[in-house]
Amino acid sequence: MKRFRSRQMVVTIQGTSIKKVVTLAVLGWMMMFTVVGVMTSLKPEYRITSSSVNSVTNHFPEETFIHLFSFENHYFLQSLPKERQNISYSSILLRMITSINPDDPRSLLGSELPGFALYDSKIVVAGEGTDYTNMPYESAPPLEVMLAEREASIENLEKADQDQDKQPVPPPTKTTGGRKVVYIYSTHTYESYLPALKGANDPDQAFHRTVNVTKVGQKLQEELEKRGIGAVESTVDVQQKLSEKGMDYAQSYDMSRQVVMQAMGQNRDLQYLIDIHRDAQRRKFTTATINGVSYARVAFIVGGENANYEKNLQLATQLHQLLQKKYPGLSRGVIEKKGRGTNGKFNQDLSNNALLIEFGGVDNTFDELFRSAAAVADVFSEHYWQAEKVQAPASDPPQKQ
């Protein structure tokens, strides 16, 4: 007969250990509820939101994210040039906390000097004479200027229109067949030009309810049509709509966005969106002489905070290069704008083919502006028909007998 002796295990837990665990758990729960309570009780402008997180990460250099991916797959790191494979975490921390980039003094000056943030943009492709001292910029008009009924020189506008109509354009060999594929509009509808305004000589006065950048848009539409490209120019007064809805000037893009989306919904043929603006720089920066004739220079602005950035940048760069070949000096280049003090999207997230073009500055005449509109239509049509040729489906191969 066998006997089995049972073995018992005695576990001793000290009372102080249990107290520590319970205390830490209670403190952890209290801290969590405290943090949640603080976050939910803050005013909306102080709460952490997706936009605030996006604002912080915008200060990270592009290679930061590639380095993060490389922790899992080292092949990602090979996509960076050797000089950018080493990353300074202290620099990233400084940019995240202070928004100051040690490699770019403008990031410090922009926050300290009034108005300097206007130049906190990036020159992607520089046109002739374009640098950070003469960047294109726009200034919001004083309220009294927006409300003023200023007299315009209609005679000069009509003469400029007639002079441009005298320029012969060969009949187009191809057309869009009645389809309207280009939509032209102006977010800042009242931006105007001093030579067209009687008694105005202050750049802050370069605004008018009817004689403004919309006339340039109309001329661009006409010139595109002459070249077989169906285009429509918006007749919506964005600034008037802002006034009717009690919105301020800073919300102009919110309003023009509604206008553009409505147009896109009504016409599925629209392929290109062009927003016409006027630069606030003076004549010496916004005028070019080509073959003895003066033109209003143009600048292409690309929003750096839109999902279609790469495609829109490519389009703007191609048009700039075409202008350089056919009208040297006309383009001031391609400028990227994002960050504080600017919209960052400019409705360009609505299409892969969205452009914002600055036509001239406050001192340019409509003669010069209309010549530039014709030049832009000229190179745009060249780009359009080439793109259509590339995108056209290949013909079916011949059938074997």
Protein backbone atom coordinates (compact mmCIF):
# COMPACT_ATOMS: atom_id res chain seq x y z
CA MET A 1 0.00 0.00 0.00
CA LYS A 2 1.51 3.29 -1.09
CA ARG A 3 1.13 6.55 0.63
CA PHE A 4 1.20 9.90 -1.15
CA ARG A 5 2.29 12.93 0.73
CA SER A 6 0.64 16.07 -0.55
CA ARG A 7 2.80 19.08 -0.95
CA GLN A 8 1.45 22.52 -0.26
CA MET A 9 2.99 25.77 -1.49
CA VAL A 10 2.64 28.76 0.74
CA VAL A 11 2.93 32.16 -0.92
CA THR A 12 3.50 35.12 1.29
CA ILE A 13 2.62 38.56 0.03
CA GLN A 14 3.70 41.50 2.07
CA GLY A 15 1.00 43.98 2.89
CA THR A 16 3.19 46.93 1.89
CA SER A 17 3.50 45.60 -1.68
CA ILE A 18 -0.27 45.41 -2.07
CA LYS A 19 -0.61 48.95 -0.76
CA LYS A 20 1.95 50.23 -3.28
CA VAL A 21 0.17 48.58 -6.21
CA VAL A 22 -3.21 49.88 -5.13
CA THR A 23 -1.84 53.37 -4.50
CA LEU A 24 -0.14 53.53 -7.92
CA ALA A 25 -3.32 52.30 -9.63
CA VAL A 26 -5.45 54.91 -7.87
CA LEU A 27 -2.96 57.69 -8.67
CA GLY A 28 -2.84 56.55 -12.31
CA TRP A 29 -6.62 56.66 -12.62
CA MET A 30 -6.75 60.05 -10.89
CA MET A 31 -4.10 61.44 -13.24
CA MET A 32 -5.90 60.09 -16.31
CA PHE A 33 -9.23 61.64 -15.27
CA THR A 34 -7.46 64.91 -14.39
CA VAL A 35 -5.82 65.13 -17.81
CA VAL A 36 -9.07 64.27 -19.59
CA GLY A 37 -10.94 66.81 -17.48
CA VAL A 38 -8.42 69.55 -18.25
CA MET A 39 -8.48 68.81 -21.98
CA THR A 40 -12.28 68.87 -22.19
CA SER A 41 -12.63 72.01 -20.07
CA LEU A 42 -10.20 74.07 -22.16
CA LYS A 43 -11.54 76.61 -24.59
CA PRO A 44 -11.76 75.18 -28.14
CA GLU A 45 -8.84 77.26 -29.37
CA TYR A 46 -6.54 75.69 -26.74
CA ARG A 47 -7.53 72.05 -27.23
CA ILE A 48 -5.37 69.54 -29.04
CA THR A 49 -6.89 68.94 -32.47
CA SER A 50 -5.84 67.23 -35.66
CA SER A 51 -5.02 70.65 -37.12
CA SER A 52 -2.73 71.50 -34.20
CA VAL A 53 -0.95 68.15 -34.56
CA ASN A 54 -0.62 68.84 -38.28
CA SER A 55 0.80 72.29 -37.50
CA VAL A 56 3.47 70.73 -35.28
CA THR A 57 4.45 67.99 -37.74
CA ASN A 58 4.70 70.56 -40.54
CA HIS A 59 7.88 71.75 -38.88
CA PHE A 60 9.50 68.34 -39.30
CA PRO A 61 11.93 68.01 -42.22
CA GLU A 62 10.79 65.54 -44.88
CA GLU A 63 13.57 63.06 -44.12
CA THR A 64 12.27 62.64 -40.53
CA PHE A 65 9.46 60.38 -41.68
CA ILE A 66 11.78 58.35 -43.91
CA HIS A 67 14.02 57.79 -40.87
CA LEU A 68 11.01 56.54 -38.92
CA PHE A 69 10.20 54.04 -41.68
CA SER A 70 13.84 52.96 -41.78
CA PHE A 71 13.60 51.65 -38.20
CA GLU A 72 11.48 48.84 -39.62
CA ASN A 73 13.03 48.60 -43.08
CA HIS A 74 16.56 49.90 -43.63
CA TYR A 75 16.04 50.12 -47.39
CA PHE A 76 14.00 53.31 -46.91
CA LEU A 77 17.14 55.14 -45.80
CA GLN A 78 18.80 54.45 -49.15
CA SER A 79 16.30 56.78 -50.85
CA LEU A 80 17.96 59.78 -49.16
CA PRO A 81 21.18 61.42 -50.35
CA LYS A 82 24.15 60.61 -48.11
CA GLU A 83 24.32 64.15 -46.75
CA ARG A 84 20.70 63.87 -45.51
CA GLN A 85 20.93 60.40 -43.95
CA ASN A 86 22.09 61.81 -40.62
CA ILE A 87 19.36 63.56 -38.69
CA SER A 88 19.62 66.05 -35.81
CA TYR A 89 17.00 65.22 -33.20
CA SER A 90 17.84 68.34 -31.20
CA SER A 91 17.06 70.46 -34.26
CA ILE A 92 13.73 68.67 -34.74
CA LEU A 93 12.86 69.19 -31.06
CA LEU A 94 13.66 72.90 -31.34
CA ARG A 95 11.48 73.24 -34.46
CA MET A 96 8.63 71.37 -32.79
CA ILE A 97 8.69 73.51 -29.63
CA THR A 98 9.51 76.95 -31.06
CA SER A 99 8.68 76.70 -34.83
CA ILE A 100 12.23 77.99 -35.43
CA ASN A 101 14.39 76.23 -38.00
CA PRO A 102 18.10 76.68 -37.12
CA ASP A 103 18.94 76.31 -40.83
CA ASP A 104 16.57 79.10 -41.90
CA PRO A 105 16.90 82.51 -40.14
CA ARG A 106 13.62 83.63 -41.76
CA SER A 107 11.73 81.34 -39.37
CA LEU A 108 12.95 83.48 -36.45
CA LEU A 109 12.63 86.86 -38.16
CA GLY A 110 9.16 86.02 -39.43
CA SER A 111 7.81 85.75 -35.89
CA GLU A 112 9.61 88.83 -34.60
CA LEU A 113 9.33 91.42 -37.38
CA PRO A 114 5.85 92.72 -38.32
CA GLY A 115 4.92 91.74 -41.86
CA PHE A 116 8.05 89.63 -42.41
CA ALA A 117 6.01 86.41 -42.37
CA LEU A 118 4.64 87.46 -45.79
CA TYR A 119 7.96 86.33 -47.23
CA ASP A 120 8.01 83.00 -45.40
CA SER A 121 7.46 81.09 -48.63
CA LYS A 122 9.63 78.83 -50.74
CA ILE A 123 10.91 79.60 -54.22
CA VAL A 124 10.61 76.26 -55.99
CA VAL A 125 11.59 77.57 -59.42
CA ALA A 126 13.02 81.08 -59.61
CA GLY A 127 12.23 83.26 -62.56
CA GLU A 128 14.54 86.01 -63.76
CA GLY A 129 15.36 88.37 -60.87
CA THR A 130 13.12 86.57 -58.37
CA ASP A 131 14.53 86.18 -54.87
CA TYR A 132 13.35 86.40 -51.26
CA THR A 133 13.50 90.20 -51.29
CA ASN A 134 10.79 90.57 -53.93
CA MET A 135 8.49 87.61 -53.33
CA PRO A 136 4.93 87.95 -54.65
CA TYR A 137 2.52 88.87 -51.87
CA GLU A 138 -1.00 90.12 -51.38
CA SER A 139 -2.28 92.57 -48.81
CA ALA A 140 -5.81 92.72 -47.43
CA PRO A 141 -7.48 96.03 -48.35
CA PRO A 142 -8.59 98.43 -45.63
CA LEU A 143 -12.34 98.29 -45.06
CA GLU A 144 -12.85 101.87 -46.22
CA VAL A 145 -11.15 101.01 -49.52
CA MET A 146 -13.41 98.00 -50.05
CA LEU A 147 -16.48 100.16 -49.44
CA ALA A 148 -15.30 103.13 -51.49
CA GLU A 149 -16.90 103.90 -54.87
CA ARG A 150 -13.79 104.77 -56.87
CA GLU A 151 -14.00 105.99 -60.45
CA ALA A 152 -12.24 103.83 -63.02
CA SER A 153 -10.83 104.70 -66.41
CA ILE A 154 -13.11 102.67 -68.67
CA GLU A 155 -11.61 104.28 -71.77
CA ASN A 156 -8.17 102.78 -71.11
CA LEU A 157 -9.70 99.38 -70.49
CA GLU A 158 -11.64 99.47 -73.76
CA LYS A 159 -8.57 100.62 -75.69
CA ALA A 160 -6.47 97.79 -74.23
CA ASP A 161 -9.17 95.33 -75.25
CA GLN A 162 -9.26 96.66 -78.81
CA ASP A 163 -5.48 96.68 -79.12
CA GLN A 164 -5.29 93.03 -78.07
CA ASP A 165 -8.05 92.05 -80.50
CA LYS A 166 -5.89 93.38 -83.32
CA GLN A 167 -3.26 90.71 -82.61
CA PRO A 168 -3.91 87.92 -85.14
CA VAL A 169 -4.27 84.36 -83.89
CA PRO A 170 -4.29 81.55 -86.47
CA PRO A 171 -7.50 79.49 -86.51
CA PRO A 172 -7.12 76.46 -84.23
CA THR A 173 -6.46 73.11 -85.89
CA LYS A 174 -8.02 71.29 -82.91
CA THR A 175 -10.83 72.17 -80.50
CA THR A 176 -12.42 70.69 -77.42
CA GLY A 177 -15.63 70.26 -79.41
CA GLY A 178 -17.77 72.64 -77.40
CA ARG A 179 -16.67 71.20 -74.05
CA LYS A 180 -15.67 73.74 -71.40
CA VAL A 181 -12.54 72.25 -69.88
CA VAL A 182 -11.06 75.29 -68.10
CA TYR A 183 -12.70 77.17 -65.23
CA ILE A 184 -11.38 80.67 -64.52
CA TYR A 185 -12.31 82.57 -61.37
CA SER A 186 -10.94 85.11 -58.89
CA THR A 187 -10.93 84.58 -55.14
CA HIS A 188 -9.93 88.20 -54.44
CA THR A 189 -12.35 89.66 -56.94
CA TYR A 190 -11.70 93.36 -56.28
CA GLU A 191 -7.91 93.32 -56.74
CA SER A 192 -7.24 96.02 -59.32
CA TYR A 193 -4.49 98.17 -60.87
CA LEU A 194 -3.64 101.81 -60.14
CA PRO A 195 -3.33 102.98 -63.81
CA ALA A 196 -6.99 102.04 -64.32
CA LEU A 197 -8.21 103.98 -61.26
CA LYS A 198 -8.57 107.75 -61.46
CA GLY A 199 -6.82 109.66 -58.69
CA ALA A 200 -5.38 106.54 -57.06
CA ASN A 201 -1.65 106.24 -56.41
CA ASP A 202 -1.44 104.36 -53.11
CA PRO A 203 -1.06 100.57 -53.51
CA ASP A 204 -3.61 100.11 -50.74
CA GLN A 205 -6.15 101.79 -53.03
CA ALA A 206 -5.72 99.28 -55.87
CA PHE A 207 -9.18 97.73 -55.46
CA HIS A 208 -12.34 98.22 -57.49
CA ARG A 209 -15.73 96.53 -57.67
CA THR A 210 -15.84 96.12 -61.46
CA VAL A 211 -12.51 97.10 -63.06
CA ASN A 212 -10.27 94.46 -61.54
CA VAL A 213 -8.63 91.06 -62.07
CA THR A 214 -11.87 89.62 -63.43
CA LYS A 215 -11.16 91.55 -66.64
CA VAL A 216 -7.89 89.62 -66.93
CA GLY A 217 -9.85 86.41 -66.39
CA GLN A 218 -12.25 87.34 -69.17
CA LYS A 219 -9.38 88.06 -71.52
CA LEU A 220 -7.68 84.75 -70.68
CA GLN A 221 -10.96 82.96 -71.41
CA GLU A 222 -11.24 84.68 -74.80
CA GLU A 223 -7.64 83.87 -75.71
CA LEU A 224 -8.08 80.20 -74.80
CA GLU A 225 -11.22 80.01 -76.92
CA LYS A 226 -9.29 81.46 -79.87
CA ARG A 227 -6.93 78.50 -79.52
CA GLY A 228 -9.71 75.92 -79.51
CA ILE A 229 -9.83 75.36 -75.75
CA GLY A 230 -13.29 75.70 -74.24
CA ALA A 231 -13.17 77.89 -71.13
CA VAL A 232 -15.65 79.59 -68.84
CA GLU A 233 -14.95 82.64 -66.69
CA SER A 234 -16.87 82.86 -63.44
CA THR A 235 -19.20 85.82 -63.02
CA VAL A 236 -19.56 85.26 -59.27
CA ASP A 237 -18.52 88.24 -57.14
CA VAL A 238 -16.79 86.43 -54.27
CA GLN A 239 -16.25 89.61 -52.23
CA GLN A 240 -19.92 90.56 -52.57
CA LYS A 241 -20.92 87.11 -51.32
CA LEU A 242 -18.60 87.52 -48.35
CA SER A 243 -20.31 90.79 -47.48
CA GLU A 244 -23.77 89.28 -47.82
CA LYS A 245 -22.92 86.43 -45.45
CA GLY A 246 -21.10 88.62 -42.93
CA MET A 247 -17.76 86.89 -43.56
CA ASP A 248 -14.42 88.70 -43.49
CA TYR A 249 -11.70 89.01 -46.14
CA ALA A 250 -9.63 86.21 -44.61
CA GLN A 251 -12.45 83.79 -45.46
CA SER A 252 -12.28 84.51 -49.20
CA TYR A 253 -11.01 81.03 -50.04
CA ASP A 254 -13.81 79.43 -48.05
CA MET A 255 -16.28 81.30 -50.25
CA SER A 256 -14.49 80.74 -53.57
CA ARG A 257 -14.24 77.05 -52.70
CA GLN A 258 -18.03 76.84 -52.66
CA VAL A 259 -18.16 78.59 -56.03
CA VAL A 260 -15.61 76.22 -57.59
CA MET A 261 -17.24 73.08 -56.18
CA GLN A 262 -20.61 74.18 -57.53
CA ALA A 263 -19.10 74.77 -60.98
CA MET A 264 -17.42 71.35 -60.92
CA GLY A 265 -20.70 69.72 -59.94
CA GLN A 266 -22.51 71.38 -62.85
CA ASN A 267 -19.87 70.65 -65.49
CA ARG A 268 -18.08 67.29 -65.41
CA ASP A 269 -15.91 68.33 -68.36
CA LEU A 270 -13.87 70.80 -66.28
CA GLN A 271 -10.25 69.66 -66.13
CA TYR A 272 -8.36 72.80 -65.13
CA LEU A 273 -9.02 75.42 -62.42
CA ILE A 274 -7.30 78.82 -62.69
CA ASP A 275 -7.54 81.41 -59.91
CA ILE A 276 -6.51 84.89 -61.12
CA HIS A 277 -4.83 87.29 -58.66
CA ARG A 278 -2.80 90.51 -58.63
CA ASP A 279 0.54 90.94 -56.86
CA ALA A 280 1.07 93.85 -54.45
CA GLN A 281 4.68 94.40 -55.61
CA ARG A 282 5.59 97.53 -57.56
CA ARG A 283 6.27 97.94 -61.27
CA LYS A 284 10.00 97.22 -61.37
CA PHE A 285 9.37 93.68 -60.13
CA THR A 286 6.20 92.95 -62.10
CA THR A 287 7.01 94.22 -65.60
CA ALA A 288 9.07 92.66 -68.39
CA THR A 289 10.05 93.98 -71.81
CA ILE A 290 10.03 91.33 -74.54
CA ASN A 291 10.97 92.30 -78.10
CA GLY A 292 10.48 95.94 -77.21
CA VAL A 293 6.96 95.39 -75.80
CA SER A 294 6.07 95.58 -72.11
CA TYR A 295 4.23 92.74 -70.38
CA ALA A 296 2.88 92.23 -66.88
CA ARG A 297 4.91 89.44 -65.35
CA VAL A 298 3.15 86.39 -63.94
CA ALA A 299 3.91 84.17 -60.94
CA PHE A 300 2.62 80.68 -60.20
CA ILE A 301 1.62 80.02 -56.59
CA VAL A 302 1.30 76.46 -55.31
CA GLY A 303 -0.27 75.66 -51.94
CA GLY A 304 2.09 73.48 -49.92
CA GLU A 305 -0.68 72.02 -47.78
CA ASN A 306 -2.88 70.22 -50.29
CA ALA A 307 -3.06 66.56 -51.27
CA ASN A 308 -2.47 67.38 -54.96
CA TYR A 309 0.68 69.40 -54.29
CA GLU A 310 3.01 67.31 -56.46
CA LYS A 311 0.69 67.30 -59.49
CA ASN A 312 -0.09 71.00 -59.26
CA LEU A 313 3.58 71.82 -58.79
CA GLN A 314 4.40 69.82 -61.90
CA LEU A 315 1.79 71.70 -63.94
CA ALA A 316 2.96 75.12 -62.74
CA THR A 317 6.60 74.21 -63.43
CA GLN A 318 5.82 73.03 -66.96
CA LEU A 319 3.97 76.25 -67.79
CA HIS A 320 6.82 78.30 -66.32
CA GLN A 321 9.32 76.46 -68.51
CA LEU A 322 7.18 76.98 -71.63
CA LEU A 323 6.97 80.70 -70.87
CA GLN A 324 10.74 80.83 -70.43
CA LYS A 325 11.20 79.42 -73.92
CA LYS A 326 8.63 81.54 -75.77
CA TYR A 327 8.48 84.68 -73.58
CA PRO A 328 11.78 84.94 -71.67
CA GLY A 329 11.44 86.89 -68.44
CA LEU A 330 7.64 86.84 -68.36
CA SER A 331 7.38 84.31 -65.53
CA ARG A 332 8.62 85.25 -62.08
CA GLY A 333 8.75 81.58 -61.17
CA VAL A 334 6.92 79.00 -59.06
CA ILE A 335 6.37 79.82 -55.39
CA GLU A 336 5.21 77.44 -52.68
CA LYS A 337 3.15 78.96 -49.86
CA LYS A 338 2.11 77.31 -46.64
CA GLY A 339 2.15 77.83 -42.88
CA ARG A 340 0.99 80.73 -40.77
CA GLY A 341 -0.60 83.72 -42.41
CA THR A 342 -1.60 81.97 -45.62
CA ASN A 343 -4.30 79.60 -46.79
CA GLY A 344 -1.94 76.81 -47.80
CA LYS A 345 -4.46 75.07 -50.07
CA PHE A 346 -5.88 77.75 -52.40
CA ASN A 347 -8.57 75.26 -53.52
CA GLN A 348 -5.83 73.24 -55.22
CA ASP A 349 -6.84 70.12 -53.32
CA LEU A 350 -9.94 70.03 -55.55
CA SER A 351 -8.00 69.12 -58.70
CA ASN A 352 -4.68 67.77 -59.98
CA ASN A 353 -4.74 70.66 -62.47
CA ALA A 354 -5.32 73.71 -60.29
CA LEU A 355 -3.38 76.95 -60.77
CA LEU A 356 -3.14 80.24 -58.93
CA ILE A 357 -1.57 82.86 -61.20
CA GLU A 358 -0.55 86.34 -60.11
CA PHE A 359 -0.98 88.65 -63.12
CA GLY A 360 1.18 91.74 -62.77
CA GLY A 361 1.30 94.13 -59.83
CA VAL A 362 -0.48 97.27 -58.67
CA ASP A 363 1.28 99.44 -61.29
CA ASN A 364 0.62 97.42 -64.45
CA THR A 365 -1.69 98.60 -67.23
CA PHE A 366 -4.40 96.53 -68.86
CA ASP A 367 -2.45 96.71 -72.14
CA GLU A 368 0.37 94.83 -70.40
CA LEU A 369 -2.02 92.50 -68.61
CA PHE A 370 -3.91 91.50 -71.76
CA ARG A 371 -0.64 90.75 -73.58
CA SER A 372 0.32 88.48 -70.71
CA ALA A 373 -3.09 86.79 -70.77
CA ALA A 374 -2.55 86.01 -74.46
CA ALA A 375 0.95 84.68 -73.74
CA VAL A 376 -0.31 82.41 -70.94
CA ALA A 377 -3.12 81.16 -73.21
CA ASP A 378 -0.53 80.48 -75.91
CA VAL A 379 1.70 78.25 -73.74
CA PHE A 380 -1.26 76.72 -71.92
CA SER A 381 -2.77 75.58 -75.22
CA GLU A 382 0.56 74.05 -76.20
CA HIS A 383 0.66 72.17 -72.90
CA TYR A 384 -3.00 71.14 -73.14
CA TRP A 385 -2.80 69.61 -76.60
CA GLN A 386 0.43 67.83 -75.75
CA ALA A 387 -1.17 66.38 -72.60
CA GLU A 388 -4.21 65.31 -74.60
CA LYS A 389 -1.95 63.56 -77.10
CA VAL A 390 -0.12 61.69 -74.33
CA GLN A 391 -3.35 60.66 -72.60
CA ALA A 392 -5.12 59.60 -75.79
CA PRO A 393 -5.71 55.82 -75.90
CA ALA A 394 -3.53 53.91 -78.31
CA SER A 395 -5.25 52.88 -81.51
CA ASP A 396 -6.19 49.24 -81.87
CA PRO A 397 -3.54 47.13 -83.61
CA PRO A 398 -4.41 46.05 -87.15
CA GLN A 399 -6.22 42.76 -87.39
CA LYS A 400 -4.41 39.86 -89.03
CA GLN A 401 -6.00 38.57 -92.19
